[in-house]
């Protein structure tokens, strides 16, 4: 599954931030909850991985 997003750049005085918004359908498919902590991993210049800090329980476990 793929979904295109745009990166937003926000500058406030001396600081700047970049924001990534992704569609609700993507968040729902990943069962992402409000306030959940994530981290970015940079595999290479073209590949960024968003990973949960606290691993979720597998749906396949018994």
C-alpha atoms as a PDB file:
ATOM      1  CA  UNK A   1       0.000   0.000   0.000  1.00  0.00           C
ATOM      2  CA  UNK A   2       1.315   3.457  -0.809  1.00  0.00           C
ATOM      3  CA  UNK A   3       0.142   6.941   0.044  1.00  0.00           C
ATOM      4  CA  UNK A   4       1.667  10.233  -1.110  1.00  0.00           C
ATOM      5  CA  UNK A   5       2.303  12.982   1.433  1.00  0.00           C
ATOM      6  CA  UNK A   6       3.889  16.418   1.349  1.00  0.00           C
ATOM      7  CA  UNK A   7       6.465  17.690   3.812  1.00  0.00           C
ATOM      8  CA  UNK A   8       5.673  21.031   5.462  1.00  0.00           C
ATOM      9  CA  UNK A   9       8.375  23.440   6.606  1.00  0.00           C
ATOM     10  CA  UNK A  10       7.574  25.845   9.418  1.00  0.00           C
ATOM     11  CA  UNK A  11       9.930  28.613  10.533  1.00  0.00           C
ATOM     12  CA  UNK A  12       9.386  30.461  13.807  1.00  0.00           C
ATOM     13  CA  UNK A  13      12.093  32.957  14.538  1.00  0.00           C
ATOM     14  CA  UNK A  14      15.382  31.083  14.799  1.00  0.00           C
ATOM     15  CA  UNK A  15      13.845  27.624  14.778  1.00  0.00           C
ATOM     16  CA  UNK A  16      12.512  25.576  11.912  1.00  0.00           C
ATOM     17  CA  UNK A  17      10.619  22.315  11.849  1.00  0.00           C
ATOM     18  CA  UNK A  18       9.462  19.915   9.202  1.00  0.00           C
ATOM     19  CA  UNK A  19       6.137  18.126   9.524  1.00  0.00           C
ATOM     20  CA  UNK A  20       4.848  14.963   7.899  1.00  0.00           C
ATOM     21  CA  UNK A  21       1.103  14.367   7.932  1.00  0.00           C
ATOM     22  CA  UNK A  22      -0.231  11.065   6.774  1.00  0.00           C
ATOM     23  CA  UNK A  23      -3.810  10.089   5.985  1.00  0.00           C
ATOM     24  CA  UNK A  24      -6.152   8.803   8.661  1.00  0.00           C
ATOM     25  CA  UNK A  25      -6.549   5.571   6.676  1.00  0.00           C
ATOM     26  CA  UNK A  26      -2.811   4.898   7.120  1.00  0.00           C
ATOM     27  CA  UNK A  27      -2.987   5.579  10.869  1.00  0.00           C
ATOM     28  CA  UNK A  28      -6.060   3.373  11.220  1.00  0.00           C
ATOM     29  CA  UNK A  29      -4.437   0.540   9.259  1.00  0.00           C
ATOM     30  CA  UNK A  30      -1.456   0.708  11.628  1.00  0.00           C
ATOM     31  CA  UNK A  31      -3.730   1.058  14.678  1.00  0.00           C
ATOM     32  CA  UNK A  32      -1.855   4.212  15.686  1.00  0.00           C
ATOM     33  CA  UNK A  33      -3.269   5.935  18.760  1.00  0.00           C
ATOM     34  CA  UNK A  34      -3.189   9.608  19.715  1.00  0.00           C
ATOM     35  CA  UNK A  35      -0.064  10.477  21.705  1.00  0.00           C
ATOM     36  CA  UNK A  36       1.747   7.292  20.736  1.00  0.00           C
ATOM     37  CA  UNK A  37       5.535   7.695  20.584  1.00  0.00           C
ATOM     38  CA  UNK A  38       7.315   6.879  17.348  1.00  0.00           C
ATOM     39  CA  UNK A  39      10.873   7.221  16.080  1.00  0.00           C
ATOM     40  CA  UNK A  40      12.354   7.771  12.622  1.00  0.00           C
ATOM     41  CA  UNK A  41      15.080   5.470  11.349  1.00  0.00           C
ATOM     42  CA  UNK A  42      17.073   6.564   8.309  1.00  0.00           C
ATOM     43  CA  UNK A  43      18.052   3.568   6.216  1.00  0.00           C
ATOM     44  CA  UNK A  44      19.486   5.663   3.387  1.00  0.00           C
ATOM     45  CA  UNK A  45      18.862   9.013   1.694  1.00  0.00           C
ATOM     46  CA  UNK A  46      15.632   7.760   0.112  1.00  0.00           C
ATOM     47  CA  UNK A  47      14.284   5.434   2.795  1.00  0.00           C
ATOM     48  CA  UNK A  48      12.877   6.584   6.144  1.00  0.00           C
ATOM     49  CA  UNK A  49      11.222   4.138   8.524  1.00  0.00           C
ATOM     50  CA  UNK A  50       8.715   5.211  11.167  1.00  0.00           C
ATOM     51  CA  UNK A  51       8.744   2.765  14.080  1.00  0.00           C
ATOM     52  CA  UNK A  52       6.803   2.509  17.334  1.00  0.00           C
ATOM     53  CA  UNK A  53       8.879   3.057  20.461  1.00  0.00           C
ATOM     54  CA  UNK A  54       6.785   0.515  22.366  1.00  0.00           C
ATOM     55  CA  UNK A  55       6.187  -2.531  20.179  1.00  0.00           C
ATOM     56  CA  UNK A  56       2.557  -3.547  19.830  1.00  0.00           C
ATOM     57  CA  UNK A  57       1.380  -7.089  20.484  1.00  0.00           C
ATOM     58  CA  UNK A  58       1.258  -9.294  17.422  1.00  0.00           C
ATOM     59  CA  UNK A  59      -2.175 -10.261  16.164  1.00  0.00           C
ATOM     60  CA  UNK A  60      -0.698 -13.639  15.197  1.00  0.00           C
ATOM     61  CA  UNK A  61       0.428 -14.584  18.735  1.00  0.00           C
ATOM     62  CA  UNK A  62      -1.566 -17.095  20.695  1.00  0.00           C
END
